[in-house]
Amino acid sequence: MGAGLAVVALQGYGFVSMRSALENRMDSLEHAMQEGRAQDGTKVTQLASDLDVVTKKMGVTMQELQQARGVAERLKQDHARTAQRLRNELAAKADSKLVSEFQQEATTKLAEVQQDATTKIGTVSGEVQGVRTDLDVTRQDLASSRKDITDVKTQVARNGTELAELRRKGERDYFEFDMPKSQVFERIADVQVQLKKTDVKRQKYNVMIQADDSRVEKKDRGVNEPIQFLVGRDRLRYEFVVNYIDKDRIRGYVSTPKDKVLSAEGPSFRRPQ
């Protein structure tokens, strides 16, 4: 009788010990999963912070930023769903024989999720860095363009004397014109221009300019007001300036880059209509 009780007690003790070991393993796995979520949450939060810095300090376009934020948010949601699914599956594994196998499976899956999260975060971070690089290049191009525009504007000749002075500097070529109002285009350098209208009282005029295959009308332009446009494959900056406005007639000049070969690389013109 006493021996039987001892066996029962020993079996009860073994069951309790096994149950305690199982609970300890489950707690350890839950703790590891929480640490993984915390680390990934920190990375995602840092990424969101970086994106805000890019937005505020560098002016990244909202479309590009929304795409990067969307990737980060989807990554965060995917990781949360995976972690919850693993917890649910672990709770459902009541058989002690399967717990060890499932623990190994859960650990492997969690490691895969963390690796995937790290890879995706790295990709998003790379995209953000690419946006920053593109912005730097764009800002440099804008600064260069603004400098070019400023340099050209400071060299506007208002009369024949000033035009002669610019010619002596030798920095650009200058082609003078005396153009009447007409139904046809007049060629100046390697562009074509048509005077559409003059307003002597207001000292304004309208012209149509054709360069390469594009044609654009400039309206209500004034005396000594430069009209700038790009010509040719190299997008060279030209400048059209009117110094005098008379009834149905304008006089001025076209400024072009120095030493440009007009005939060899000049644009082809559409037949004026």
Protein backbone atom coordinates (compact mmCIF):
# COMPACT_ATOMS: atom_id res chain seq x y z
CA MET A 1 0.00 0.00 0.00
CA GLY A 2 2.76 2.38 1.06
CA ALA A 3 4.78 1.51 -2.04
CA GLY A 4 1.80 2.29 -4.27
CA LEU A 5 1.35 5.72 -2.70
CA ALA A 6 5.03 6.41 -3.21
CA VAL A 7 4.77 5.58 -6.91
CA VAL A 8 1.73 7.83 -7.29
CA ALA A 9 3.50 10.65 -5.48
CA LEU A 10 6.60 10.21 -7.64
CA GLN A 11 4.52 10.32 -10.80
CA GLY A 12 2.70 13.44 -9.58
CA TYR A 13 6.02 15.09 -8.83
CA GLY A 14 7.34 14.20 -12.28
CA PHE A 15 4.24 15.63 -13.95
CA VAL A 16 4.55 18.87 -11.98
CA SER A 17 8.25 19.14 -12.84
CA MET A 18 7.61 18.57 -16.52
CA ARG A 19 4.77 21.12 -16.47
CA SER A 20 7.05 23.66 -14.76
CA ALA A 21 9.83 23.07 -17.31
CA LEU A 22 7.34 23.51 -20.13
CA GLU A 23 6.08 26.79 -18.70
CA ASN A 24 9.67 28.02 -18.28
CA ARG A 25 10.43 27.24 -21.93
CA MET A 26 7.28 29.04 -23.05
CA ASP A 27 8.21 32.07 -20.93
CA SER A 28 11.72 32.11 -22.44
CA LEU A 29 10.35 31.99 -25.98
CA GLU A 30 7.84 34.77 -25.21
CA HIS A 31 10.66 36.87 -23.73
CA ALA A 32 12.81 36.34 -26.86
CA MET A 33 9.91 37.32 -29.08
CA GLN A 34 9.29 40.49 -27.05
CA GLU A 35 12.95 41.46 -27.32
CA GLY A 36 12.83 40.90 -31.10
CA ARG A 37 9.70 43.08 -31.37
CA ALA A 38 11.30 45.80 -29.27
CA GLN A 39 14.44 45.84 -31.42
CA ASP A 40 12.46 45.94 -34.67
CA GLY A 41 10.11 48.57 -33.20
CA THR A 42 13.15 50.72 -32.36
CA LYS A 43 14.48 50.36 -35.93
CA VAL A 44 11.12 51.23 -37.44
CA THR A 45 10.74 54.24 -35.11
CA GLN A 46 14.24 55.44 -36.02
CA LEU A 47 13.41 55.01 -39.70
CA ALA A 48 10.24 57.08 -39.30
CA SER A 49 12.30 59.76 -37.53
CA ASP A 50 14.81 59.78 -40.40
CA LEU A 51 12.00 60.21 -42.87
CA ASP A 52 10.65 63.20 -40.93
CA VAL A 53 14.12 64.78 -40.94
CA VAL A 54 14.37 64.32 -44.70
CA THR A 55 10.93 65.89 -45.16
CA LYS A 56 11.61 68.94 -42.98
CA LYS A 57 15.22 69.67 -43.87
CA MET A 58 15.61 68.60 -47.47
CA GLY A 59 12.17 69.10 -49.02
CA VAL A 60 11.70 65.56 -50.29
CA THR A 61 8.56 65.20 -52.36
CA MET A 62 5.52 63.88 -50.52
CA GLN A 63 5.01 61.06 -53.00
CA GLU A 64 8.50 59.60 -52.44
CA LEU A 65 8.20 60.00 -48.69
CA GLN A 66 4.75 58.39 -48.53
CA GLN A 67 6.14 55.37 -50.39
CA ALA A 68 9.00 54.97 -47.91
CA ARG A 69 6.68 55.43 -44.93
CA GLY A 70 4.25 52.91 -46.40
CA VAL A 71 6.99 50.27 -46.62
CA ALA A 72 8.02 50.90 -43.01
CA GLU A 73 4.41 50.74 -41.77
CA ARG A 74 3.70 47.52 -43.68
CA LEU A 75 6.87 46.02 -42.25
CA LYS A 76 5.80 46.90 -38.72
CA GLN A 77 2.33 45.43 -39.25
CA ASP A 78 3.70 42.23 -40.83
CA HIS A 79 6.04 41.65 -37.90
CA ALA A 80 3.24 42.23 -35.35
CA ARG A 81 0.95 39.75 -37.12
CA THR A 82 3.71 37.13 -37.31
CA ALA A 83 4.55 37.48 -33.63
CA GLN A 84 0.87 37.18 -32.64
CA ARG A 85 0.46 34.08 -34.81
CA LEU A 86 3.47 32.44 -33.17
CA ARG A 87 2.10 33.17 -29.69
CA ASN A 88 -1.29 31.69 -30.62
CA GLU A 89 0.29 28.54 -32.06
CA LEU A 90 2.50 28.14 -29.00
CA ALA A 91 -0.49 28.38 -26.66
CA ALA A 92 -2.32 25.74 -28.68
CA LYS A 93 0.50 23.19 -28.37
CA ALA A 94 -0.64 21.38 -25.19
CA ASP A 95 1.15 18.12 -25.82
CA SER A 96 4.54 18.19 -24.05
CA LYS A 97 6.07 15.96 -26.69
CA LEU A 98 5.48 18.57 -29.43
CA VAL A 99 6.53 21.64 -27.42
CA SER A 100 10.25 21.14 -28.01
CA GLU A 101 9.77 20.75 -31.76
CA PHE A 102 7.47 23.72 -31.92
CA GLN A 103 9.85 25.83 -29.84
CA GLN A 104 12.61 25.16 -32.35
CA GLU A 105 10.25 25.91 -35.24
CA ALA A 106 9.10 29.15 -33.61
CA THR A 107 12.67 30.24 -32.94
CA THR A 108 13.61 29.60 -36.56
CA LYS A 109 10.58 31.45 -37.90
CA LEU A 110 11.19 34.39 -35.58
CA ALA A 111 14.81 34.59 -36.74
CA GLU A 112 13.62 34.57 -40.36
CA VAL A 113 11.13 37.34 -39.64
CA GLN A 114 13.80 39.41 -37.93
CA GLN A 115 16.22 38.87 -40.82
CA ASP A 116 13.54 39.82 -43.34
CA ALA A 117 12.69 42.90 -41.29
CA THR A 118 16.35 43.91 -41.14
CA THR A 119 16.70 43.47 -44.90
CA LYS A 120 13.58 45.50 -45.68
CA ILE A 121 14.57 48.25 -43.25
CA GLY A 122 17.98 48.37 -44.92
CA THR A 123 16.30 48.66 -48.32
CA VAL A 124 14.06 51.51 -47.16
CA SER A 125 17.03 53.26 -45.57
CA GLY A 126 18.89 52.92 -48.87
CA GLU A 127 15.94 54.42 -50.73
CA VAL A 128 15.88 57.34 -48.30
CA GLN A 129 19.61 57.87 -48.84
CA GLY A 130 19.02 57.76 -52.57
CA VAL A 131 16.36 60.44 -52.22
CA ARG A 132 18.81 62.56 -50.24
CA THR A 133 21.45 62.16 -52.95
CA ASP A 134 18.97 63.06 -55.69
CA LEU A 135 17.93 66.13 -53.72
CA ASP A 136 21.54 67.24 -53.32
CA VAL A 137 22.12 66.90 -57.08
CA THR A 138 18.88 68.77 -57.83
CA ARG A 139 19.78 71.57 -55.46
CA GLN A 140 23.21 71.88 -57.08
CA ASP A 141 21.64 71.99 -60.55
CA LEU A 142 19.18 74.66 -59.42
CA ALA A 143 21.97 76.71 -57.87
CA SER A 144 23.98 76.45 -61.10
CA SER A 145 20.96 77.43 -63.23
CA ARG A 146 20.20 80.40 -61.00
CA LYS A 147 23.82 81.54 -61.25
CA ASP A 148 23.73 81.25 -65.05
CA ILE A 149 20.51 83.27 -65.19
CA THR A 150 21.94 85.93 -62.86
CA ASP A 151 25.17 86.16 -64.86
CA VAL A 152 23.29 86.64 -68.13
CA LYS A 153 20.90 89.22 -66.67
CA THR A 154 23.81 91.32 -65.42
CA GLN A 155 25.08 91.55 -69.02
CA VAL A 156 22.02 93.06 -70.71
CA ALA A 157 22.97 95.86 -73.12
CA ARG A 158 20.47 98.73 -73.20
CA ASN A 159 21.90 100.52 -76.23
CA GLY A 160 24.51 100.29 -78.96
CA THR A 161 27.31 101.58 -76.74
CA GLU A 162 26.72 98.97 -74.07
CA LEU A 163 26.37 96.28 -76.72
CA ALA A 164 29.76 97.26 -78.16
CA GLU A 165 31.24 97.01 -74.66
CA LEU A 166 29.85 93.48 -74.24
CA ARG A 167 31.32 92.51 -77.60
CA ARG A 168 34.75 93.72 -76.47
CA LYS A 169 34.56 91.43 -73.46
CA GLY A 170 34.28 88.50 -75.87
CA GLU A 171 32.24 86.29 -73.53
CA ARG A 172 29.25 85.78 -75.91
CA ASP A 173 28.25 86.43 -79.52
CA TYR A 174 25.68 89.13 -80.30
CA PHE A 175 23.40 89.36 -83.37
CA GLU A 176 21.56 92.66 -83.85
CA PHE A 177 18.17 92.92 -85.58
CA ASP A 178 15.74 95.55 -86.85
CA MET A 179 12.48 93.65 -87.25
CA PRO A 180 9.16 94.88 -88.69
CA LYS A 181 5.80 93.30 -87.94
CA SER A 182 5.28 90.49 -90.44
CA GLN A 183 3.35 87.33 -91.26
CA VAL A 184 6.61 85.41 -91.75
CA PHE A 185 9.51 84.50 -89.50
CA GLU A 186 12.89 86.24 -89.63
CA ARG A 187 16.04 84.25 -88.92
CA ILE A 188 18.41 85.64 -86.29
CA ALA A 189 21.51 83.55 -85.54
CA ASP A 190 20.04 80.03 -85.52
CA VAL A 191 16.55 80.84 -84.25
CA GLN A 192 13.53 82.29 -86.03
CA VAL A 193 11.45 85.16 -84.70
CA GLN A 194 8.18 86.76 -85.80
CA LEU A 195 7.00 90.15 -84.50
CA LYS A 196 3.27 89.85 -83.77
CA LYS A 197 2.40 93.18 -82.13
CA THR A 198 3.82 96.40 -80.63
CA ASP A 199 2.32 98.88 -78.16
CA VAL A 200 4.35 102.08 -78.33
CA LYS A 201 2.44 103.80 -75.53
CA ARG A 202 3.00 100.97 -73.05
CA GLN A 203 6.36 100.04 -74.59
CA LYS A 204 5.32 96.41 -74.90
CA TYR A 205 5.56 93.84 -77.69
CA ASN A 206 4.57 90.26 -78.59
CA VAL A 207 6.84 87.88 -80.50
CA MET A 208 6.83 84.24 -81.59
CA ILE A 209 10.18 82.44 -81.15
CA GLN A 210 10.99 79.13 -82.84
CA ALA A 211 14.05 77.11 -81.81
CA ASP A 212 14.62 73.47 -82.71
CA ASP A 213 11.14 72.00 -83.11
CA SER A 214 9.44 74.12 -80.46
CA ARG A 215 7.59 77.38 -80.95
CA VAL A 216 6.53 79.68 -78.11
CA GLU A 217 4.86 83.11 -78.03
CA LYS A 218 6.10 85.76 -75.59
CA LYS A 219 3.52 88.45 -74.80
CA ASP A 220 3.68 91.90 -73.18
CA ARG A 221 7.48 91.99 -72.97
CA GLY A 222 9.19 95.30 -72.30
CA VAL A 223 12.27 97.22 -73.35
CA ASN A 224 15.57 95.69 -72.15
CA GLU A 225 13.67 92.74 -70.65
CA PRO A 226 15.65 89.58 -71.55
CA ILE A 227 13.83 86.53 -72.89
CA GLN A 228 15.90 83.39 -72.21
CA PHE A 229 15.47 80.00 -73.87
CA LEU A 230 17.48 76.81 -74.48
CA VAL A 231 18.62 75.65 -77.93
CA GLY A 232 20.11 72.46 -79.38
CA ARG A 233 21.06 69.08 -77.96
CA ASP A 234 23.38 70.73 -75.43
CA ARG A 235 20.56 73.03 -74.20
CA LEU A 236 22.61 76.20 -74.74
CA ARG A 237 21.17 79.35 -73.17
CA TYR A 238 20.13 82.07 -75.66
CA GLU A 239 18.86 85.56 -74.85
CA PHE A 240 16.51 87.79 -76.87
CA VAL A 241 16.57 91.51 -75.94
CA VAL A 242 14.62 94.41 -77.43
CA ASN A 243 16.14 97.87 -76.89
CA TYR A 244 13.67 99.99 -78.90
CA ILE A 245 9.94 99.63 -79.61
CA ASP A 246 8.38 101.65 -82.46
CA LYS A 247 5.11 101.32 -84.30
CA ASP A 248 5.12 97.82 -85.84
CA ARG A 249 8.92 97.57 -85.41
CA ILE A 250 11.43 96.45 -82.78
CA ARG A 251 15.24 96.70 -82.59
CA GLY A 252 17.58 94.75 -80.38
CA TYR A 253 19.86 91.73 -80.37
CA VAL A 254 20.11 87.97 -79.75
CA SER A 255 22.92 86.77 -77.45
CA THR A 256 24.36 83.25 -77.89
CA PRO A 257 27.20 81.23 -76.33
CA LYS A 258 30.65 82.10 -77.66
CA ASP A 259 32.20 80.12 -80.52
CA LYS A 260 29.13 78.01 -81.21
CA VAL A 261 29.12 76.56 -84.72
CA LEU A 262 25.79 77.73 -86.07
CA SER A 263 25.59 75.67 -89.25
CA ALA A 264 27.06 72.34 -88.07
CA GLU A 265 24.93 71.82 -84.99
CA GLY A 266 22.15 74.28 -85.62
CA PRO A 267 18.55 73.12 -85.12
CA SER A 268 16.26 72.22 -87.97
CA PHE A 269 13.24 74.48 -88.37
CA ARG A 270 9.65 73.67 -89.09
CA ARG A 271 8.19 75.48 -92.04
CA PRO A 272 6.35 78.55 -90.60
CA GLN A 273 2.63 78.40 -91.03
